[in-house]
Amino acid sequence: MKIAVLTGGGDCPGLNAVIRAVTLSLLPEHEVFGVERGFWGLVQRRLRPLDAAAVRDLLDEGGTLLGTHNRADPFHWEGRDASGEVLHCLGEQGVEALVVIGGDGSLTIAERFARLGVKIVGVPKTIDNDIGDRPKRSQHVAI
């Protein structure tokens, strides 16, 4: 299985540790890809393979080796919906699941991709403690 990981929203300590843990827990049974600059990287097709060597010395490095972007929403991309391009990118690369490390905004985007059939693992990253405040799935309005 091919799995991609991205960090969305603002930069913060601990992201590299999560990327490392995700990568090492999936290898060698799965292929792992890092998405550069969050959802921006999915629209721009900026994926790179991650292996044990790529994440070896990350525990004491702050931030994210993948970069992040806090204004990249594929559903509202430069005045248009680019979600189809993201789905095409994932399919073209053979990515079967996406690990999204982010706060409320990033996880809301991830949820929209889950509704489109993308397998998602969400890793909460927030200083606002607002993940539990999101409405339940049944309360969301279909778009």
N, C-alpha and C. Protein backbone atom coordinates (compact mmCIF):
# COMPACT_ATOMS: atom_id res chain seq x y z
N MET A 1 0.84 -1.18 0.00
CA MET A 1 0.00 0.00 0.00
C MET A 1 0.88 1.24 0.00
N LYS A 2 0.50 2.25 -0.78
CA LYS A 2 1.21 3.53 -0.80
C LYS A 2 0.42 4.53 0.03
N ILE A 3 1.11 5.17 0.96
CA ILE A 3 0.49 6.11 1.88
C ILE A 3 1.27 7.41 1.85
N ALA A 4 0.54 8.53 1.78
CA ALA A 4 1.18 9.85 1.78
C ALA A 4 0.88 10.55 3.09
N VAL A 5 1.82 11.36 3.55
CA VAL A 5 1.66 12.13 4.79
C VAL A 5 1.90 13.59 4.47
N LEU A 6 1.08 14.47 5.07
CA LEU A 6 1.28 15.90 4.89
C LEU A 6 1.04 16.63 6.19
N THR A 7 1.65 17.81 6.30
CA THR A 7 1.44 18.69 7.43
C THR A 7 0.75 19.94 6.91
N GLY A 8 -0.41 20.24 7.47
CA GLY A 8 -1.16 21.42 7.05
C GLY A 8 -1.22 22.45 8.15
N GLY A 9 -1.58 23.67 7.77
CA GLY A 9 -1.69 24.74 8.75
C GLY A 9 -0.34 25.32 9.10
N GLY A 10 -0.24 25.91 10.26
CA GLY A 10 1.01 26.54 10.69
C GLY A 10 2.04 25.55 11.15
N ASP A 11 3.27 26.01 11.15
CA ASP A 11 4.39 25.20 11.62
C ASP A 11 4.37 25.14 13.14
N CYS A 12 4.87 24.07 13.72
CA CYS A 12 4.96 23.96 15.17
C CYS A 12 5.92 22.83 15.53
N PRO A 13 6.40 22.83 16.77
CA PRO A 13 7.27 21.73 17.20
C PRO A 13 6.52 20.41 17.19
N GLY A 14 7.24 19.34 16.96
CA GLY A 14 6.66 18.00 17.05
C GLY A 14 6.19 17.41 15.73
N LEU A 15 6.11 18.21 14.68
CA LEU A 15 5.64 17.68 13.41
C LEU A 15 6.60 16.64 12.84
N ASN A 16 7.89 16.93 12.91
CA ASN A 16 8.87 15.96 12.41
C ASN A 16 8.80 14.64 13.17
N ALA A 17 8.54 14.71 14.46
CA ALA A 17 8.42 13.48 15.25
C ALA A 17 7.23 12.65 14.77
N VAL A 18 6.14 13.31 14.41
CA VAL A 18 4.97 12.59 13.90
C VAL A 18 5.28 11.99 12.53
N ILE A 19 5.91 12.78 11.66
CA ILE A 19 6.28 12.28 10.33
C ILE A 19 7.19 11.06 10.48
N ARG A 20 8.14 11.13 11.38
CA ARG A 20 9.06 10.02 11.63
C ARG A 20 8.31 8.80 12.12
N ALA A 21 7.42 8.99 13.10
CA ALA A 21 6.68 7.87 13.67
C ALA A 21 5.77 7.22 12.62
N VAL A 22 5.10 8.03 11.83
CA VAL A 22 4.22 7.49 10.78
C VAL A 22 5.06 6.68 9.79
N THR A 23 6.16 7.27 9.34
CA THR A 23 7.00 6.61 8.33
C THR A 23 7.56 5.29 8.85
N LEU A 24 8.17 5.33 10.02
CA LEU A 24 8.80 4.12 10.55
C LEU A 24 7.78 3.03 10.91
N SER A 25 6.57 3.44 11.31
CA SER A 25 5.56 2.43 11.65
C SER A 25 5.00 1.76 10.39
N LEU A 26 5.08 2.43 9.25
CA LEU A 26 4.54 1.86 8.02
C LEU A 26 5.56 1.05 7.22
N LEU A 27 6.83 1.41 7.36
CA LEU A 27 7.88 0.69 6.63
C LEU A 27 8.18 -0.64 7.30
N PRO A 28 8.59 -1.65 6.62
CA PRO A 28 8.79 -1.78 5.18
C PRO A 28 7.56 -2.32 4.45
N GLU A 29 6.46 -2.56 5.19
CA GLU A 29 5.29 -3.17 4.56
C GLU A 29 4.62 -2.26 3.54
N HIS A 30 4.78 -0.95 3.70
CA HIS A 30 4.12 0.01 2.83
C HIS A 30 5.12 1.01 2.28
N GLU A 31 4.77 1.65 1.17
CA GLU A 31 5.55 2.75 0.64
C GLU A 31 4.99 4.04 1.23
N VAL A 32 5.89 4.93 1.65
CA VAL A 32 5.47 6.18 2.27
C VAL A 32 5.98 7.35 1.43
N PHE A 33 5.10 8.32 1.22
CA PHE A 33 5.45 9.53 0.49
C PHE A 33 5.17 10.73 1.37
N GLY A 34 6.00 11.73 1.27
CA GLY A 34 5.77 13.00 1.94
C GLY A 34 5.24 14.00 0.93
N VAL A 35 4.23 14.75 1.32
CA VAL A 35 3.66 15.78 0.47
C VAL A 35 4.26 17.12 0.93
N GLU A 36 4.91 17.80 0.03
CA GLU A 36 5.55 19.07 0.37
C GLU A 36 4.52 20.19 0.47
N ARG A 37 4.61 20.96 1.55
CA ARG A 37 3.78 22.15 1.78
C ARG A 37 2.28 21.86 1.86
N GLY A 38 1.92 20.78 2.51
CA GLY A 38 0.52 20.49 2.78
C GLY A 38 -0.30 20.23 1.54
N PHE A 39 -1.55 20.69 1.57
CA PHE A 39 -2.44 20.45 0.44
C PHE A 39 -1.96 21.15 -0.83
N TRP A 40 -1.20 22.21 -0.69
CA TRP A 40 -0.59 22.87 -1.85
C TRP A 40 0.19 21.85 -2.66
N GLY A 41 0.95 20.99 -1.97
CA GLY A 41 1.78 19.99 -2.63
C GLY A 41 0.98 18.94 -3.38
N LEU A 42 -0.25 18.69 -2.95
CA LEU A 42 -1.08 17.73 -3.69
C LEU A 42 -1.58 18.34 -4.99
N VAL A 43 -1.92 19.62 -4.97
CA VAL A 43 -2.35 20.28 -6.20
C VAL A 43 -1.18 20.42 -7.17
N GLN A 44 0.00 20.71 -6.61
CA GLN A 44 1.20 20.92 -7.42
C GLN A 44 1.97 19.63 -7.70
N ARG A 45 1.46 18.50 -7.21
CA ARG A 45 2.09 17.19 -7.41
C ARG A 45 3.51 17.13 -6.85
N ARG A 46 3.66 17.59 -5.62
CA ARG A 46 4.96 17.63 -4.96
C ARG A 46 5.02 16.54 -3.88
N LEU A 47 5.19 15.30 -4.32
CA LEU A 47 5.33 14.16 -3.43
C LEU A 47 6.73 13.60 -3.57
N ARG A 48 7.28 13.16 -2.43
CA ARG A 48 8.59 12.53 -2.48
C ARG A 48 8.59 11.31 -1.57
N PRO A 49 9.35 10.29 -1.97
CA PRO A 49 9.40 9.08 -1.14
C PRO A 49 10.05 9.37 0.22
N LEU A 50 9.52 8.73 1.23
CA LEU A 50 10.14 8.79 2.56
C LEU A 50 10.57 7.39 2.95
N ASP A 51 11.78 7.28 3.44
CA ASP A 51 12.29 6.01 3.94
C ASP A 51 12.93 6.25 5.29
N ALA A 52 13.47 5.21 5.88
CA ALA A 52 14.06 5.34 7.22
C ALA A 52 15.20 6.36 7.24
N ALA A 53 15.99 6.41 6.19
CA ALA A 53 17.10 7.37 6.15
C ALA A 53 16.59 8.81 6.12
N ALA A 54 15.49 9.05 5.44
CA ALA A 54 14.95 10.41 5.33
C ALA A 54 14.44 10.95 6.66
N VAL A 55 14.05 10.07 7.57
CA VAL A 55 13.47 10.52 8.85
C VAL A 55 14.37 10.18 10.05
N ARG A 56 15.57 9.70 9.77
CA ARG A 56 16.45 9.19 10.82
C ARG A 56 16.73 10.20 11.94
N ASP A 57 17.12 11.40 11.64
CA ASP A 57 17.57 12.36 12.67
C ASP A 57 16.55 13.47 12.92
N LEU A 58 15.28 13.14 12.91
CA LEU A 58 14.26 14.17 13.02
C LEU A 58 13.77 14.46 14.43
N LEU A 59 14.03 13.59 15.38
CA LEU A 59 13.42 13.77 16.70
C LEU A 59 13.76 15.10 17.36
N ASP A 60 14.96 15.60 17.16
CA ASP A 60 15.32 16.87 17.81
C ASP A 60 15.26 18.06 16.84
N GLU A 61 14.64 17.86 15.69
CA GLU A 61 14.46 18.94 14.72
C GLU A 61 13.03 19.48 14.82
N GLY A 62 12.90 20.76 15.08
CA GLY A 62 11.57 21.36 15.15
C GLY A 62 10.96 21.53 13.77
N GLY A 63 9.68 21.81 13.74
CA GLY A 63 9.01 22.08 12.48
C GLY A 63 8.75 20.82 11.67
N THR A 64 8.75 20.98 10.35
CA THR A 64 8.42 19.87 9.47
C THR A 64 9.35 19.83 8.28
N LEU A 65 9.96 18.69 8.03
CA LEU A 65 10.83 18.55 6.88
C LEU A 65 10.06 18.66 5.58
N LEU A 66 8.74 18.50 5.62
CA LEU A 66 7.92 18.56 4.42
C LEU A 66 7.47 19.98 4.09
N GLY A 67 7.58 20.87 5.05
CA GLY A 67 7.02 22.20 4.86
C GLY A 67 5.52 22.16 5.07
N THR A 68 4.92 23.32 5.17
CA THR A 68 3.49 23.39 5.40
C THR A 68 2.95 24.63 4.73
N HIS A 69 1.65 24.73 4.67
CA HIS A 69 0.99 25.87 4.04
C HIS A 69 -0.34 26.05 4.74
N ASN A 70 -0.64 27.25 5.19
CA ASN A 70 -1.88 27.42 5.93
C ASN A 70 -2.99 28.11 5.14
N ARG A 71 -2.81 28.25 3.84
CA ARG A 71 -3.86 28.86 3.03
C ARG A 71 -4.15 28.04 1.77
N ALA A 72 -3.80 26.79 1.79
CA ALA A 72 -3.96 25.95 0.60
C ALA A 72 -5.16 25.02 0.78
N ASP A 73 -6.29 25.42 0.24
CA ASP A 73 -7.50 24.60 0.28
C ASP A 73 -7.84 24.21 -1.15
N PRO A 74 -7.64 22.96 -1.53
CA PRO A 74 -7.92 22.55 -2.91
C PRO A 74 -9.36 22.79 -3.35
N PHE A 75 -10.28 22.86 -2.41
CA PHE A 75 -11.68 23.09 -2.76
C PHE A 75 -11.95 24.56 -3.07
N HIS A 76 -11.02 25.43 -2.69
CA HIS A 76 -11.10 26.87 -2.97
C HIS A 76 -9.72 27.33 -3.43
N TRP A 77 -9.31 26.87 -4.59
CA TRP A 77 -7.95 27.08 -5.09
C TRP A 77 -7.96 28.13 -6.20
N GLU A 78 -7.44 29.29 -5.89
CA GLU A 78 -7.33 30.36 -6.89
C GLU A 78 -8.64 30.55 -7.64
N GLY A 79 -9.74 30.60 -6.90
CA GLY A 79 -11.04 30.86 -7.49
C GLY A 79 -11.73 29.67 -8.13
N ARG A 80 -11.21 28.47 -7.89
CA ARG A 80 -11.82 27.28 -8.49
C ARG A 80 -11.66 26.09 -7.56
N ASP A 81 -12.32 25.01 -7.90
CA ASP A 81 -12.23 23.76 -7.15
C ASP A 81 -11.18 22.87 -7.81
N ALA A 82 -10.06 22.64 -7.12
CA ALA A 82 -8.98 21.81 -7.66
C ALA A 82 -8.95 20.42 -7.01
N SER A 83 -10.04 20.04 -6.33
CA SER A 83 -10.06 18.75 -5.65
C SER A 83 -9.91 17.59 -6.64
N GLY A 84 -10.44 17.75 -7.83
CA GLY A 84 -10.30 16.70 -8.85
C GLY A 84 -8.85 16.49 -9.23
N GLU A 85 -8.07 17.57 -9.24
CA GLU A 85 -6.63 17.46 -9.54
C GLU A 85 -5.91 16.69 -8.44
N VAL A 86 -6.33 16.92 -7.20
CA VAL A 86 -5.74 16.18 -6.08
C VAL A 86 -6.07 14.70 -6.20
N LEU A 87 -7.32 14.39 -6.49
CA LEU A 87 -7.72 12.99 -6.65
C LEU A 87 -6.95 12.34 -7.80
N HIS A 88 -6.75 13.09 -8.87
CA HIS A 88 -5.99 12.57 -10.01
C HIS A 88 -4.53 12.33 -9.61
N CYS A 89 -3.95 13.26 -8.88
CA CYS A 89 -2.56 13.12 -8.41
C CYS A 89 -2.42 11.88 -7.54
N LEU A 90 -3.33 11.69 -6.59
CA LEU A 90 -3.26 10.53 -5.71
C LEU A 90 -3.40 9.23 -6.51
N GLY A 91 -4.34 9.22 -7.44
CA GLY A 91 -4.53 8.03 -8.27
C GLY A 91 -3.34 7.75 -9.16
N GLU A 92 -2.80 8.80 -9.76
CA GLU A 92 -1.64 8.65 -10.65
C GLU A 92 -0.42 8.11 -9.91
N GLN A 93 -0.25 8.54 -8.66
CA GLN A 93 0.87 8.09 -7.85
C GLN A 93 0.59 6.75 -7.16
N GLY A 94 -0.67 6.29 -7.22
CA GLY A 94 -1.04 5.04 -6.58
C GLY A 94 -1.20 5.16 -5.07
N VAL A 95 -1.38 6.39 -4.57
CA VAL A 95 -1.54 6.62 -3.14
C VAL A 95 -2.94 6.17 -2.72
N GLU A 96 -2.99 5.28 -1.75
CA GLU A 96 -4.26 4.69 -1.31
C GLU A 96 -4.80 5.30 -0.03
N ALA A 97 -3.95 6.02 0.71
CA ALA A 97 -4.40 6.64 1.96
C ALA A 97 -3.54 7.88 2.22
N LEU A 98 -4.14 8.81 2.96
CA LEU A 98 -3.49 10.08 3.25
C LEU A 98 -3.51 10.32 4.75
N VAL A 99 -2.34 10.58 5.33
CA VAL A 99 -2.24 10.95 6.74
C VAL A 99 -2.11 12.47 6.78
N VAL A 100 -3.11 13.11 7.39
CA VAL A 100 -3.14 14.57 7.45
C VAL A 100 -2.87 15.00 8.89
N ILE A 101 -1.78 15.73 9.07
CA ILE A 101 -1.42 16.27 10.37
C ILE A 101 -1.80 17.74 10.34
N GLY A 102 -2.81 18.12 11.11
CA GLY A 102 -3.25 19.51 11.05
C GLY A 102 -4.33 19.82 12.05
N GLY A 103 -4.73 21.07 12.03
CA GLY A 103 -5.78 21.55 12.93
C GLY A 103 -7.14 21.47 12.28
N ASP A 104 -8.05 22.26 12.78
CA ASP A 104 -9.43 22.21 12.33
C ASP A 104 -9.56 22.45 10.83
N GLY A 105 -8.85 23.42 10.29
CA GLY A 105 -8.93 23.70 8.85
C GLY A 105 -8.45 22.54 8.01
N SER A 106 -7.28 22.02 8.33
CA SER A 106 -6.71 20.91 7.56
C SER A 106 -7.55 19.65 7.68
N LEU A 107 -8.06 19.39 8.87
CA LEU A 107 -8.87 18.19 9.06
C LEU A 107 -10.26 18.33 8.43
N THR A 108 -10.74 19.56 8.30
CA THR A 108 -12.00 19.78 7.58
C THR A 108 -11.80 19.48 6.10
N ILE A 109 -10.68 19.92 5.54
CA ILE A 109 -10.35 19.59 4.15
C ILE A 109 -10.21 18.09 3.99
N ALA A 110 -9.51 17.45 4.94
CA ALA A 110 -9.32 16.00 4.89
C ALA A 110 -10.67 15.28 4.92
N GLU A 111 -11.59 15.78 5.74
CA GLU A 111 -12.91 15.16 5.81
C GLU A 111 -13.64 15.25 4.47
N ARG A 112 -13.48 16.36 3.79
CA ARG A 112 -14.12 16.50 2.47
C ARG A 112 -13.53 15.49 1.48
N PHE A 113 -12.22 15.25 1.57
CA PHE A 113 -11.62 14.23 0.70
C PHE A 113 -12.09 12.84 1.10
N ALA A 114 -12.31 12.61 2.38
CA ALA A 114 -12.83 11.32 2.83
C ALA A 114 -14.21 11.08 2.23
N ARG A 115 -15.02 12.12 2.14
CA ARG A 115 -16.34 11.99 1.52
C ARG A 115 -16.23 11.63 0.04
N LEU A 116 -15.10 11.99 -0.57
CA LEU A 116 -14.87 11.66 -1.98
C LEU A 116 -14.20 10.30 -2.16
N GLY A 117 -14.00 9.58 -1.06
CA GLY A 117 -13.48 8.22 -1.14
C GLY A 117 -12.02 8.04 -0.76
N VAL A 118 -11.34 9.11 -0.38
CA VAL A 118 -9.94 8.99 0.02
C VAL A 118 -9.88 8.46 1.45
N LYS A 119 -9.06 7.44 1.67
CA LYS A 119 -8.86 6.93 3.02
C LYS A 119 -7.98 7.93 3.76
N ILE A 120 -8.46 8.39 4.91
CA ILE A 120 -7.80 9.46 5.66
C ILE A 120 -7.50 9.00 7.08
N VAL A 121 -6.30 9.35 7.55
CA VAL A 121 -5.98 9.26 8.97
C VAL A 121 -5.66 10.68 9.39
N GLY A 122 -6.43 11.20 10.33
CA GLY A 122 -6.21 12.56 10.81
C GLY A 122 -5.44 12.57 12.11
N VAL A 123 -4.39 13.39 12.16
CA VAL A 123 -3.59 13.57 13.37
C VAL A 123 -3.81 15.01 13.84
N PRO A 124 -4.54 15.20 14.93
CA PRO A 124 -4.84 16.56 15.38
C PRO A 124 -3.60 17.33 15.79
N LYS A 125 -3.54 18.59 15.35
CA LYS A 125 -2.45 19.52 15.70
C LYS A 125 -3.10 20.88 15.86
N THR A 126 -3.34 21.27 17.10
CA THR A 126 -4.01 22.55 17.32
C THR A 126 -3.64 23.12 18.67
N ILE A 127 -3.48 24.44 18.72
CA ILE A 127 -3.32 25.11 20.01
C ILE A 127 -4.66 25.66 20.48
N ASP A 128 -5.66 25.61 19.61
CA ASP A 128 -6.98 26.15 19.94
C ASP A 128 -7.87 25.13 20.63
N ASN A 129 -7.45 23.88 20.65
CA ASN A 129 -8.24 22.81 21.24
C ASN A 129 -9.66 22.80 20.68
N ASP A 130 -9.77 22.96 19.35
CA ASP A 130 -11.07 23.11 18.72
C ASP A 130 -11.52 21.90 17.91
N ILE A 131 -10.77 20.83 17.91
CA ILE A 131 -11.14 19.67 17.11
C ILE A 131 -12.45 19.07 17.61
N GLY A 132 -12.64 18.96 18.91
CA GLY A 132 -13.87 18.40 19.46
C GLY A 132 -15.08 19.28 19.26
N ASP A 133 -14.89 20.54 18.89
CA ASP A 133 -16.00 21.47 18.68
C ASP A 133 -16.65 21.31 17.32
N ARG A 134 -16.05 20.52 16.44
CA ARG A 134 -16.60 20.35 15.10
C ARG A 134 -17.93 19.63 15.18
N PRO A 135 -18.86 19.99 14.32
CA PRO A 135 -20.15 19.28 14.32
C PRO A 135 -19.96 17.83 13.94
N LYS A 136 -20.88 17.01 14.39
CA LYS A 136 -20.83 15.60 14.01
C LYS A 136 -21.10 15.48 12.53
N ARG A 137 -20.60 14.43 11.94
CA ARG A 137 -20.73 14.21 10.50
C ARG A 137 -22.17 14.38 10.02
N SER A 138 -23.11 13.90 10.79
CA SER A 138 -24.52 13.98 10.37
C SER A 138 -25.03 15.41 10.34
N GLN A 139 -24.32 16.34 10.99
CA GLN A 139 -24.75 17.73 11.01
C GLN A 139 -24.16 18.54 9.87
N HIS A 140 -23.22 18.00 9.14
CA HIS A 140 -22.61 18.72 8.02
C HIS A 140 -23.59 18.82 6.85
N VAL A 141 -23.53 19.92 6.18
CA VAL A 141 -24.35 20.12 5.01
C VAL A 141 -23.57 19.63 3.80
N ALA A 142 -24.19 18.80 2.98
CA ALA A 142 -23.53 18.29 1.78
C ALA A 142 -23.31 19.45 0.81
N ILE A 143 -22.13 19.49 0.23
CA ILE A 143 -21.79 20.55 -0.72
C ILE A 143 -21.76 20.01 -2.11
